[in-house]
Amino acid sequence: MYLPPQFKASDPALAHALMREHPFASLVSIDEDGLPFITHLPLHLSADGQVLTGHCARPNPHWRHLQARPRARVAFLGPQAYMSPAVYPDLARVPTWNYLAVHATVQARLLEGDEAKDAVLKQLIGDHEPAYAAQWRAQDPDWAAKMLQGIVAFELAIEQLDCKLKLNQHRPEAHAAMYQAYRGAASEGARGLAAWMERLGLVQGD
């Protein structure tokens, strides 16, 4: 990822927050033809921020790519929105697009056995619908085993995190107008960027 210094976030807590708030990620591996193979999936970040866990359908060849070439990348995309040059006090400006993203370089390991796969499912259930946990536990064991046979679970040990928070940090003269435009926008992404501008101290919220 192209990462100019003004957009680089070195605090891992910011990357972890973005990953947890926007857990639907893109897992990128290299296939047998040397091309990127991408699966879009939710991932769980461990409490210490060191490991991601998830699963894919067994017919999805991605797990075979991870098995053959364990080093991979994971991309998380947070809020994103267009920015009009109208936010600047002068006219010699151009439009741009602001966004928040994290790229993780990882080492993959497949998780064997129903117990390990069940643990991954329970992590994801805990993240997204804790109330469903009781329903999952109450399922017929044979049916549950069949569901588990249909997936391949894995853990992704994080080697490196690159966090890009592109919020026009190098143009402070535009921050107030940009914040007002984003905060009042219909786009959820724009409003999300306004919240992150507050979070990073680029503006003062009400």
Protein backbone atom coordinates (compact mmCIF):
# COMPACT_ATOMS: atom_id res chain seq x y z
CA MET A 1 0.00 0.00 0.00
CA TYR A 2 1.26 3.44 -0.91
CA LEU A 3 1.71 5.12 2.46
CA PRO A 4 2.85 8.78 2.52
CA PRO A 5 4.17 9.76 5.96
CA GLN A 6 1.38 12.28 6.61
CA PHE A 7 -1.20 9.47 6.38
CA LYS A 8 0.71 6.77 8.27
CA ALA A 9 -0.65 5.84 11.70
CA SER A 10 2.06 4.28 13.85
CA ASP A 11 -0.14 3.60 16.90
CA PRO A 12 -1.32 -0.03 16.61
CA ALA A 13 -4.36 0.80 18.76
CA LEU A 14 -5.75 2.85 15.87
CA ALA A 15 -5.25 -0.05 13.45
CA HIS A 16 -6.85 -2.48 15.90
CA ALA A 17 -9.85 -0.18 16.38
CA LEU A 18 -10.36 0.09 12.63
CA MET A 19 -10.07 -3.68 12.18
CA ARG A 20 -12.61 -4.37 14.92
CA GLU A 21 -15.08 -1.73 13.76
CA HIS A 22 -14.84 -2.88 10.12
CA PRO A 23 -14.11 -6.63 10.35
CA PHE A 24 -15.26 -7.57 6.84
CA ALA A 25 -11.86 -7.97 5.21
CA SER A 26 -10.22 -8.99 1.94
CA LEU A 27 -7.84 -11.93 2.31
CA VAL A 28 -5.30 -11.93 -0.53
CA SER A 29 -3.15 -14.91 -1.52
CA ILE A 30 -1.30 -15.95 -4.66
CA ASP A 31 -2.79 -18.77 -6.74
CA GLU A 32 -1.05 -21.36 -8.90
CA ASP A 33 -0.98 -18.94 -11.84
CA GLY A 34 0.82 -16.30 -9.81
CA LEU A 35 -2.26 -14.07 -9.64
CA PRO A 36 -3.90 -12.61 -6.52
CA PHE A 37 -6.77 -14.71 -5.20
CA ILE A 38 -9.12 -12.71 -2.98
CA THR A 39 -11.79 -13.83 -0.54
CA HIS A 40 -14.03 -11.34 1.25
CA LEU A 41 -14.84 -12.51 4.76
CA PRO A 42 -15.28 -11.43 8.38
CA LEU A 43 -12.28 -11.94 10.64
CA HIS A 44 -11.91 -11.91 14.41
CA LEU A 45 -8.99 -10.01 15.93
CA SER A 46 -7.61 -11.49 19.14
CA ALA A 47 -7.64 -9.42 22.34
CA ASP A 48 -3.88 -8.82 22.08
CA GLY A 49 -4.12 -7.79 18.42
CA GLN A 50 -1.67 -10.47 17.31
CA VAL A 51 -3.89 -13.01 15.50
CA LEU A 52 -6.83 -12.99 13.11
CA THR A 53 -9.13 -16.00 12.84
CA GLY A 54 -11.77 -16.91 10.29
CA HIS A 55 -12.99 -19.58 7.92
CA CYS A 56 -13.99 -20.15 4.33
CA ALA A 57 -16.21 -22.70 2.62
CA ARG A 58 -14.43 -25.98 1.92
CA PRO A 59 -15.11 -25.71 -1.87
CA ASN A 60 -13.33 -22.33 -1.85
CA PRO A 61 -9.75 -23.06 -3.01
CA HIS A 62 -8.37 -20.22 -0.90
CA TRP A 63 -7.51 -22.53 1.98
CA ARG A 64 -5.35 -24.59 -0.37
CA HIS A 65 -3.49 -21.42 -1.39
CA LEU A 66 -2.88 -20.65 2.30
CA GLN A 67 -1.66 -24.19 2.83
CA ALA A 68 0.77 -23.96 -0.08
CA ARG A 69 1.87 -20.37 0.49
CA PRO A 70 1.12 -19.39 4.11
CA ARG A 71 2.30 -15.78 3.82
CA ALA A 72 -0.61 -13.58 2.79
CA ARG A 73 -2.13 -10.13 3.12
CA VAL A 74 -5.37 -8.98 4.68
CA ALA A 75 -6.95 -5.62 3.85
CA PHE A 76 -9.53 -3.82 5.99
CA LEU A 77 -11.34 -0.79 4.57
CA GLY A 78 -12.97 1.66 6.94
CA PRO A 79 -15.05 4.75 6.17
CA GLN A 80 -14.42 6.34 2.78
CA ALA A 81 -15.89 9.27 0.87
CA TYR A 82 -15.31 11.79 -1.89
CA MET A 83 -13.96 15.20 -0.92
CA SER A 84 -14.90 18.25 -2.97
CA PRO A 85 -12.34 21.03 -3.57
CA ALA A 86 -15.07 23.38 -2.28
CA VAL A 87 -13.70 22.83 1.24
CA TYR A 88 -10.61 24.90 0.43
CA PRO A 89 -10.44 28.68 0.82
CA ASP A 90 -9.02 29.09 -2.71
CA LEU A 91 -9.85 27.71 -6.15
CA ALA A 92 -6.50 26.21 -7.22
CA ARG A 93 -7.43 22.78 -5.82
CA VAL A 94 -8.61 19.41 -7.08
CA PRO A 95 -11.02 16.73 -5.73
CA THR A 96 -9.76 13.72 -3.85
CA TRP A 97 -11.02 10.67 -1.97
CA ASN A 98 -10.44 10.17 1.74
CA TYR A 99 -10.40 6.75 3.37
CA LEU A 100 -9.10 4.65 6.25
CA ALA A 101 -7.42 1.30 5.62
CA VAL A 102 -5.30 -1.32 7.33
CA HIS A 103 -3.16 -3.92 5.58
CA ALA A 104 -1.86 -6.84 7.62
CA THR A 105 0.94 -9.13 6.49
CA VAL A 106 0.17 -12.54 7.98
CA GLN A 107 1.35 -16.12 8.32
CA ALA A 108 -1.53 -18.58 7.93
CA ARG A 109 -2.12 -21.87 9.73
CA LEU A 110 -5.05 -24.15 9.05
CA LEU A 111 -6.98 -25.29 12.12
CA GLU A 112 -7.84 -28.97 12.21
CA GLY A 113 -10.69 -30.65 14.05
CA ASP A 114 -14.26 -29.75 14.90
CA GLU A 115 -13.30 -28.30 18.28
CA ALA A 116 -10.96 -25.72 16.76
CA LYS A 117 -13.45 -24.82 14.05
CA ASP A 118 -16.23 -24.49 16.62
CA ALA A 119 -14.04 -22.11 18.63
CA VAL A 120 -13.58 -19.87 15.57
CA LEU A 121 -17.32 -19.83 14.94
CA LYS A 122 -17.98 -18.88 18.56
CA GLN A 123 -15.50 -16.01 18.29
CA LEU A 124 -17.33 -14.64 15.25
CA ILE A 125 -20.73 -15.20 16.88
CA GLY A 126 -19.47 -13.29 19.91
CA ASP A 127 -18.42 -10.40 17.68
CA HIS A 128 -21.61 -10.14 15.65
CA GLU A 129 -24.56 -11.82 17.37
CA PRO A 130 -23.86 -13.08 20.89
CA ALA A 131 -27.50 -14.07 21.37
CA TYR A 132 -27.12 -16.69 18.61
CA ALA A 133 -24.59 -18.63 20.72
CA ALA A 134 -27.33 -20.46 22.62
CA GLN A 135 -29.04 -21.49 19.38
CA TRP A 136 -25.76 -22.80 17.97
CA ARG A 137 -25.04 -24.80 21.13
CA ALA A 138 -28.55 -26.31 21.00
CA GLN A 139 -28.25 -27.64 17.45
CA ASP A 140 -28.41 -31.37 16.78
CA PRO A 141 -24.80 -32.63 17.10
CA ASP A 142 -24.92 -34.51 13.80
CA TRP A 143 -26.21 -31.44 11.96
CA ALA A 144 -23.60 -29.22 13.62
CA ALA A 145 -20.84 -31.67 12.67
CA LYS A 146 -22.02 -31.57 9.07
CA MET A 147 -21.88 -27.76 9.09
CA LEU A 148 -18.36 -27.85 10.52
CA GLN A 149 -17.25 -30.31 7.83
CA GLY A 150 -18.27 -27.74 5.23
CA ILE A 151 -15.75 -25.13 6.32
CA VAL A 152 -12.00 -24.75 6.73
CA ALA A 153 -10.88 -22.60 9.64
CA PHE A 154 -7.56 -20.81 9.92
CA GLU A 155 -5.60 -18.42 12.03
CA LEU A 156 -3.50 -15.61 10.60
CA ALA A 157 -0.56 -14.54 12.78
CA ILE A 158 0.10 -10.86 12.15
CA GLU A 159 3.68 -10.02 11.16
CA GLN A 160 3.17 -6.38 10.22
CA LEU A 161 0.42 -3.78 10.22
CA ASP A 162 0.26 -0.81 7.86
CA CYS A 163 -2.44 1.68 8.81
CA LYS A 164 -3.38 4.50 6.45
CA LEU A 165 -5.66 7.26 7.69
CA LYS A 166 -6.09 9.59 4.71
CA LEU A 167 -7.93 12.58 6.13
CA ASN A 168 -6.16 15.50 4.45
CA GLN A 169 -3.94 15.93 7.52
CA HIS A 170 -1.45 18.02 5.52
CA ARG A 171 -4.14 20.59 4.58
CA PRO A 172 -5.29 21.98 7.94
CA GLU A 173 -6.87 25.00 6.26
CA ALA A 174 -9.57 22.65 4.92
CA HIS A 175 -10.29 20.69 8.11
CA ALA A 176 -13.16 22.76 9.49
CA ALA A 177 -15.05 22.91 6.20
CA MET A 178 -14.31 19.26 5.43
CA TYR A 179 -15.59 18.20 8.83
CA GLN A 180 -18.83 20.15 8.43
CA ALA A 181 -19.38 18.71 4.95
CA TYR A 182 -18.75 15.16 6.11
CA ARG A 183 -20.74 15.44 9.34
CA GLY A 184 -23.84 16.61 7.49
CA ALA A 185 -23.55 14.22 4.54
CA ALA A 186 -26.08 11.52 3.69
CA SER A 187 -23.24 9.03 3.18
CA GLU A 188 -22.48 6.80 6.16
CA GLY A 189 -18.85 6.71 5.04
CA ALA A 190 -18.58 10.51 5.11
CA ARG A 191 -20.08 10.67 8.60
CA GLY A 192 -17.66 7.97 9.68
CA LEU A 193 -14.75 10.08 8.45
CA ALA A 194 -16.07 13.07 10.42
CA ALA A 195 -16.09 10.91 13.56
CA TRP A 196 -12.49 9.87 12.93
CA MET A 197 -11.45 13.51 12.42
CA GLU A 198 -12.73 14.13 15.96
CA ARG A 199 -11.03 10.97 17.21
CA LEU A 200 -7.66 12.07 15.82
CA GLY A 201 -7.99 15.62 17.10
CA LEU A 202 -8.08 17.23 13.67
CA VAL A 203 -11.23 19.13 14.71
CA GLN A 204 -13.23 19.74 17.85
CA GLY A 205 -16.66 18.15 17.87
CA ASP A 206 -19.71 19.75 19.45
